[in-house]
C-alpha atoms as a PDB file:
ATOM      1  CA  MET A   1     -63.093  51.513 -32.335  1.00  0.00           C
ATOM      2  CA  SER A   2     -60.624  48.777 -33.246  1.00  0.00           C
ATOM      3  CA  SER A   3     -61.249  45.180 -32.210  1.00  0.00           C
ATOM      4  CA  HIS A   4     -59.450  41.870 -32.841  1.00  0.00           C
ATOM      5  CA  LYS A   5     -60.707  38.434 -31.811  1.00  0.00           C
ATOM      6  CA  TYR A   6     -58.388  35.468 -31.213  1.00  0.00           C
ATOM      7  CA  LEU A   7     -59.542  31.855 -30.871  1.00  0.00           C
ATOM      8  CA  LEU A   8     -58.135  29.800 -28.026  1.00  0.00           C
ATOM      9  CA  ASN A   9     -60.224  26.760 -29.013  1.00  0.00           C
ATOM     10  CA  LEU A  10     -63.655  26.189 -30.550  1.00  0.00           C
ATOM     11  CA  ALA A  11     -65.505  27.537 -27.489  1.00  0.00           C
ATOM     12  CA  GLN A  12     -63.112  30.118 -26.013  1.00  0.00           C
ATOM     13  CA  TYR A  13     -61.622  33.342 -27.312  1.00  0.00           C
ATOM     14  CA  ILE A  14     -59.789  36.505 -26.341  1.00  0.00           C
ATOM     15  CA  THR A  15     -60.848  39.858 -27.765  1.00  0.00           C
ATOM     16  CA  ILE A  16     -58.568  42.892 -27.726  1.00  0.00           C
ATOM     17  CA  LYS A  17     -60.373  46.150 -28.360  1.00  0.00           C
ATOM     18  CA  ARG A  18     -60.239  49.869 -27.820  1.00  0.00           C
ATOM     19  CA  GLY A  19     -63.112  51.235 -25.829  1.00  0.00           C
ATOM     20  CA  ASP A  20     -64.709  52.111 -22.523  1.00  0.00           C
ATOM     21  CA  ILE A  21     -64.764  49.133 -20.157  1.00  0.00           C
ATOM     22  CA  THR A  22     -67.737  50.568 -18.236  1.00  0.00           C
ATOM     23  CA  LYS A  23     -69.945  50.002 -21.293  1.00  0.00           C
ATOM     24  CA  GLU A  24     -69.052  46.321 -21.837  1.00  0.00           C
ATOM     25  CA  GLN A  25     -71.912  43.842 -21.746  1.00  0.00           C
ATOM     26  CA  VAL A  26     -70.185  40.957 -20.009  1.00  0.00           C
ATOM     27  CA  ASP A  27     -70.795  39.029 -16.806  1.00  0.00           C
ATOM     28  CA  ALA A  28     -68.031  40.984 -15.035  1.00  0.00           C
ATOM     29  CA  ILE A  29     -65.611  43.789 -15.679  1.00  0.00           C
ATOM     30  CA  VAL A  30     -62.317  44.020 -13.839  1.00  0.00           C
ATOM     31  CA  ASN A  31     -61.347  47.078 -11.848  1.00  0.00           C
ATOM     32  CA  ALA A  32     -57.667  47.978 -11.503  1.00  0.00           C
ATOM     33  CA  ALA A  33     -58.372  48.928  -7.904  1.00  0.00           C
ATOM     34  CA  ASN A  34     -56.439  50.107  -4.867  1.00  0.00           C
ATOM     35  CA  GLU A  35     -56.123  48.018  -1.692  1.00  0.00           C
ATOM     36  CA  GLN A  36     -58.848  50.054   0.054  1.00  0.00           C
ATOM     37  CA  LEU A  37     -61.306  49.594  -2.871  1.00  0.00           C
ATOM     38  CA  THR A  38     -61.977  53.330  -2.783  1.00  0.00           C
ATOM     39  CA  VAL A  39     -62.442  55.756  -5.658  1.00  0.00           C
ATOM     40  CA  GLY A  40     -59.193  56.302  -7.503  1.00  0.00           C
ATOM     41  CA  GLY A  41     -58.070  57.763 -10.784  1.00  0.00           C
ATOM     42  CA  GLY A  42     -58.036  56.234 -14.252  1.00  0.00           C
ATOM     43  CA  VAL A  43     -60.151  53.142 -14.829  1.00  0.00           C
ATOM     44  CA  CYS A  44     -60.883  52.807 -11.098  1.00  0.00           C
ATOM     45  CA  GLY A  45     -62.471  56.255 -10.945  1.00  0.00           C
ATOM     46  CA  ALA A  46     -64.391  55.666 -14.166  1.00  0.00           C
ATOM     47  CA  ILE A  47     -65.848  52.401 -12.826  1.00  0.00           C
ATOM     48  CA  HIS A  48     -66.843  53.979  -9.511  1.00  0.00           C
ATOM     49  CA  ARG A  49     -68.593  56.854 -11.319  1.00  0.00           C
ATOM     50  CA  ALA A  50     -70.400  54.615 -13.818  1.00  0.00           C
ATOM     51  CA  ALA A  51     -71.394  51.893 -11.325  1.00  0.00           C
ATOM     52  CA  GLY A  52     -72.869  54.306  -8.813  1.00  0.00           C
ATOM     53  CA  PRO A  53     -73.373  54.141  -5.058  1.00  0.00           C
ATOM     54  CA  ALA A  54     -74.411  50.460  -4.861  1.00  0.00           C
ATOM     55  CA  TYR A  55     -70.974  49.472  -6.165  1.00  0.00           C
ATOM     56  CA  THR A  56     -69.148  51.821  -3.790  1.00  0.00           C
ATOM     57  CA  GLU A  57     -71.192  50.515  -0.850  1.00  0.00           C
ATOM     58  CA  ALA A  58     -70.484  46.894  -1.850  1.00  0.00           C
ATOM     59  CA  CYS A  59     -66.753  47.647  -1.932  1.00  0.00           C
ATOM     60  CA  LEU A  60     -66.885  49.089   1.564  1.00  0.00           C
ATOM     61  CA  LYS A  61     -68.555  45.878   2.830  1.00  0.00           C
ATOM     62  CA  VAL A  62     -65.662  43.667   1.678  1.00  0.00           C
ATOM     63  CA  PRO A  63     -64.035  42.314   4.858  1.00  0.00           C
ATOM     64  CA  GLN A  64     -60.656  43.752   5.803  1.00  0.00           C
ATOM     65  CA  VAL A  65     -57.699  41.415   5.499  1.00  0.00           C
ATOM     66  CA  ARG A  66     -55.697  43.693   7.778  1.00  0.00           C
ATOM     67  CA  GLN A  67     -56.110  47.278   8.948  1.00  0.00           C
ATOM     68  CA  GLY A  68     -57.339  49.324   5.979  1.00  0.00           C
ATOM     69  CA  ILE A  69     -56.664  46.582   3.404  1.00  0.00           C
ATOM     70  CA  LEU A  70     -59.685  45.027   1.704  1.00  0.00           C
ATOM     71  CA  CYS A  71     -57.912  43.550  -1.327  1.00  0.00           C
ATOM     72  CA  PRO A  72     -54.166  42.934  -1.101  1.00  0.00           C
ATOM     73  CA  THR A  73     -51.999  43.300  -4.205  1.00  0.00           C
ATOM     74  CA  GLY A  74     -52.340  40.255  -6.451  1.00  0.00           C
ATOM     75  CA  GLU A  75     -55.716  39.163  -5.074  1.00  0.00           C
ATOM     76  CA  ALA A  76     -59.286  39.695  -6.314  1.00  0.00           C
ATOM     77  CA  ARG A  77     -62.705  40.466  -4.774  1.00  0.00           C
ATOM     78  CA  ILE A  78     -66.087  40.303  -6.539  1.00  0.00           C
ATOM     79  CA  VAL A  79     -68.947  42.733  -5.867  1.00  0.00           C
ATOM     80  CA  THR A  80     -72.102  43.934  -7.596  1.00  0.00           C
ATOM     81  CA  GLY A  81     -71.808  45.884 -10.834  1.00  0.00           C
ATOM     82  CA  GLY A  82     -74.329  48.443  -9.637  1.00  0.00           C
ATOM     83  CA  LEU A  83     -75.509  50.543 -12.594  1.00  0.00           C
ATOM     84  CA  LEU A  84     -73.071  48.952 -15.069  1.00  0.00           C
ATOM     85  CA  PRO A  85     -74.211  46.675 -17.935  1.00  0.00           C
ATOM     86  CA  ALA A  86     -71.979  44.026 -16.278  1.00  0.00           C
ATOM     87  CA  SER A  87     -73.555  42.197 -13.339  1.00  0.00           C
ATOM     88  CA  PHE A  88     -70.314  42.168 -11.352  1.00  0.00           C
ATOM     89  CA  VAL A  89     -67.045  43.978 -10.863  1.00  0.00           C
ATOM     90  CA  ILE A  90     -64.014  41.913  -9.917  1.00  0.00           C
ATOM     91  CA  ASN A  91     -61.555  44.193  -8.156  1.00  0.00           C
ATOM     92  CA  THR A  92     -57.856  43.390  -8.284  1.00  0.00           C
ATOM     93  CA  VAL A  93     -54.824  45.361  -7.188  1.00  0.00           C
ATOM     94  CA  GLY A  94     -51.831  45.299  -9.488  1.00  0.00           C
ATOM     95  CA  PRO A  95     -48.261  45.958  -8.462  1.00  0.00           C
ATOM     96  CA  VAL A  96     -46.522  49.315  -8.637  1.00  0.00           C
ATOM     97  CA  TYR A  97     -43.844  48.327 -11.153  1.00  0.00           C
ATOM     98  CA  SER A  98     -40.869  50.081  -9.558  1.00  0.00           C
ATOM     99  CA  SER A  99     -41.794  49.204  -5.958  1.00  0.00           C
ATOM    100  CA  VAL A 100     -41.548  45.409  -5.895  1.00  0.00           C
ATOM    101  CA  PRO A 101     -38.724  43.004  -6.711  1.00  0.00           C
ATOM    102  CA  ASN A 102     -40.797  40.756  -9.018  1.00  0.00           C
ATOM    103  CA  PRO A 103     -43.717  42.692 -10.505  1.00  0.00           C
ATOM    104  CA  ALA A 104     -44.464  39.997 -13.117  1.00  0.00           C
ATOM    105  CA  GLU A 105     -45.233  37.475 -10.379  1.00  0.00           C
ATOM    106  CA  LEU A 106     -47.728  39.837  -8.719  1.00  0.00           C
ATOM    107  CA  LEU A 107     -49.312  40.859 -12.023  1.00  0.00           C
ATOM    108  CA  GLU A 108     -49.772  37.214 -12.986  1.00  0.00           C
ATOM    109  CA  SER A 109     -51.368  36.663  -9.573  1.00  0.00           C
ATOM    110  CA  CYS A 110     -53.891  39.419 -10.390  1.00  0.00           C
ATOM    111  CA  TYR A 111     -54.999  37.705 -13.589  1.00  0.00           C
ATOM    112  CA  ARG A 112     -54.997  34.232 -12.016  1.00  0.00           C
ATOM    113  CA  SER A 113     -57.059  35.485  -9.041  1.00  0.00           C
ATOM    114  CA  VAL A 114     -59.613  37.269 -11.238  1.00  0.00           C
ATOM    115  CA  LEU A 115     -60.036  34.235 -13.479  1.00  0.00           C
ATOM    116  CA  GLN A 116     -60.372  31.954 -10.451  1.00  0.00           C
ATOM    117  CA  VAL A 117     -63.082  34.192  -8.929  1.00  0.00           C
ATOM    118  CA  ALA A 118     -64.897  34.358 -12.276  1.00  0.00           C
ATOM    119  CA  ASN A 119     -64.845  30.573 -12.653  1.00  0.00           C
ATOM    120  CA  GLU A 120     -65.879  29.969  -9.025  1.00  0.00           C
ATOM    121  CA  ASN A 121     -68.923  32.190  -9.657  1.00  0.00           C
ATOM    122  CA  GLY A 122     -69.905  30.425 -12.891  1.00  0.00           C
ATOM    123  CA  LEU A 123     -69.222  33.451 -15.093  1.00  0.00           C
ATOM    124  CA  ARG A 124     -68.759  33.042 -18.842  1.00  0.00           C
ATOM    125  CA  SER A 125     -67.399  36.456 -19.820  1.00  0.00           C
ATOM    126  CA  VAL A 126     -65.028  38.989 -18.284  1.00  0.00           C
ATOM    127  CA  ALA A 127     -63.453  42.235 -19.494  1.00  0.00           C
ATOM    128  CA  PHE A 128     -60.037  43.426 -18.287  1.00  0.00           C
ATOM    129  CA  PRO A 129     -58.346  46.825 -18.452  1.00  0.00           C
ATOM    130  CA  ALA A 130     -54.542  47.048 -18.701  1.00  0.00           C
ATOM    131  CA  ILE A 131     -53.840  46.343 -15.016  1.00  0.00           C
ATOM    132  CA  SER A 132     -50.954  48.363 -13.506  1.00  0.00           C
ATOM    133  CA  CYS A 133     -50.232  50.226 -16.767  1.00  0.00           C
ATOM    134  CA  GLY A 134     -51.451  53.651 -15.657  1.00  0.00           C
ATOM    135  CA  ILE A 135     -49.987  55.420 -12.644  1.00  0.00           C
ATOM    136  CA  PHE A 136     -48.518  52.104 -11.414  1.00  0.00           C
ATOM    137  CA  GLY A 137     -46.018  52.396 -14.286  1.00  0.00           C
ATOM    138  CA  TYR A 138     -45.926  48.869 -15.698  1.00  0.00           C
ATOM    139  CA  PRO A 139     -44.315  48.859 -19.184  1.00  0.00           C
ATOM    140  CA  LEU A 140     -46.956  48.044 -21.790  1.00  0.00           C
ATOM    141  CA  ARG A 141     -45.176  45.249 -23.664  1.00  0.00           C
ATOM    142  CA  GLU A 142     -44.242  43.444 -20.462  1.00  0.00           C
ATOM    143  CA  ALA A 143     -47.767  43.837 -19.070  1.00  0.00           C
ATOM    144  CA  ALA A 144     -49.339  42.531 -22.295  1.00  0.00           C
ATOM    145  CA  GLN A 145     -47.118  39.434 -22.176  1.00  0.00           C
ATOM    146  CA  VAL A 146     -48.145  38.656 -18.580  1.00  0.00           C
ATOM    147  CA  ALA A 147     -51.823  39.410 -19.248  1.00  0.00           C
ATOM    148  CA  LEU A 148     -52.259  37.309 -22.381  1.00  0.00           C
ATOM    149  CA  THR A 149     -50.117  34.413 -21.160  1.00  0.00           C
ATOM    150  CA  SER A 150     -51.986  34.318 -17.827  1.00  0.00           C
ATOM    151  CA  CYS A 151     -55.396  34.365 -19.509  1.00  0.00           C
ATOM    152  CA  LYS A 152     -54.437  31.501 -21.813  1.00  0.00           C
ATOM    153  CA  LYS A 153     -53.088  29.504 -18.865  1.00  0.00           C
ATOM    154  CA  TYR A 154     -55.758  30.153 -16.200  1.00  0.00           C
ATOM    155  CA  ARG A 155     -58.932  30.749 -18.252  1.00  0.00           C
ATOM    156  CA  GLY A 156     -60.787  27.708 -16.909  1.00  0.00           C
ATOM    157  CA  ASN A 157     -64.332  27.609 -18.332  1.00  0.00           C
ATOM    158  CA  LEU A 158     -64.531  31.261 -19.355  1.00  0.00           C
ATOM    159  CA  GLN A 159     -65.666  31.536 -22.960  1.00  0.00           C
ATOM    160  CA  ASP A 160     -65.192  35.244 -23.601  1.00  0.00           C
ATOM    161  CA  ILE A 161     -62.143  37.085 -22.218  1.00  0.00           C
ATOM    162  CA  ARG A 162     -61.839  40.691 -23.341  1.00  0.00           C
ATOM    163  CA  PHE A 163     -59.197  43.341 -22.966  1.00  0.00           C
ATOM    164  CA  VAL A 164     -60.914  46.704 -23.280  1.00  0.00           C
ATOM    165  CA  LEU A 165     -58.129  49.222 -23.640  1.00  0.00           C
ATOM    166  CA  PHE A 166     -58.449  52.969 -23.658  1.00  0.00           C
ATOM    167  CA  GLY A 167     -55.436  54.189 -25.622  1.00  0.00           C
ATOM    168  CA  SER A 168     -54.035  53.221 -29.017  1.00  0.00           C
ATOM    169  CA  ASP A 169     -50.569  52.624 -27.504  1.00  0.00           C
ATOM    170  CA  VAL A 170     -52.011  50.033 -25.096  1.00  0.00           C
ATOM    171  CA  PHE A 171     -54.093  48.430 -27.854  1.00  0.00           C
ATOM    172  CA  ASP A 172     -51.023  48.218 -30.109  1.00  0.00           C
ATOM    173  CA  ALA A 173     -48.937  46.599 -27.349  1.00  0.00           C
ATOM    174  CA  TRP A 174     -51.621  43.953 -26.710  1.00  0.00           C
ATOM    175  CA  THR A 175     -52.184  43.124 -30.393  1.00  0.00           C
ATOM    176  CA  THR A 176     -48.432  42.945 -31.064  1.00  0.00           C
ATOM    177  CA  CYS A 177     -48.078  40.569 -28.119  1.00  0.00           C
ATOM    178  CA  ALA A 178     -50.987  38.410 -29.328  1.00  0.00           C
ATOM    179  CA  ILE A 179     -49.210  37.997 -32.662  1.00  0.00           C
ATOM    180  CA  SER A 180     -45.902  37.149 -30.965  1.00  0.00           C
ATOM    181  CA  LEU A 181     -47.669  34.477 -28.864  1.00  0.00           C
ATOM    182  CA  GLY A 182     -49.103  32.920 -32.026  1.00  0.00           C
ATOM    183  CA  LEU A 183     -52.747  33.570 -31.170  1.00  0.00           C
ATOM    184  CA  ARG A 184     -54.965  32.876 -34.181  1.00  0.00           C
ATOM    185  CA  ARG A 185     -56.950  35.958 -35.186  1.00  0.00           C
ATOM    186  CA  THR A 186     -60.491  35.434 -36.442  1.00  0.00           C
ATOM    187  CA  GLU A 187     -61.647  39.060 -36.815  1.00  0.00           C
END
């Protein structure tokens, strides 16, 4: 699988790679979840299957914000990683691109919220999928711009931020964006 590493400073970096996020050995992986934190399709379904029942049970114990909503769009909730190599899963709900007036604002809120939760919990490494780029229809180049810019801006003390992307089209969009942002590649 392809992988590129970009230095942010001497102690922090972003890695963009193709792969299966459920196999990443990081402190936390990010789930592109739904507001009910239930099993879904795509990366959400894959994480639920790989993490097992302890993860699903932990999701169901997240307090409701309002009737049926455990994690509103743009926010993040941390739970156990269950059977995953990662200790935690940080769930976030991205926007449906065509359903909101300013999807970039909500997508940035997803990344900011995840990074805030990771930093509040003393985590050093986190792996993201391409949030909102599946059935939520977010255009890849636009999503990559929001994702990489947000991670540079809100990274806090995280040392290792990864984007673990399933398809070559998503990987290409992220690496092209990294180049356009002037990120310095080390690998």
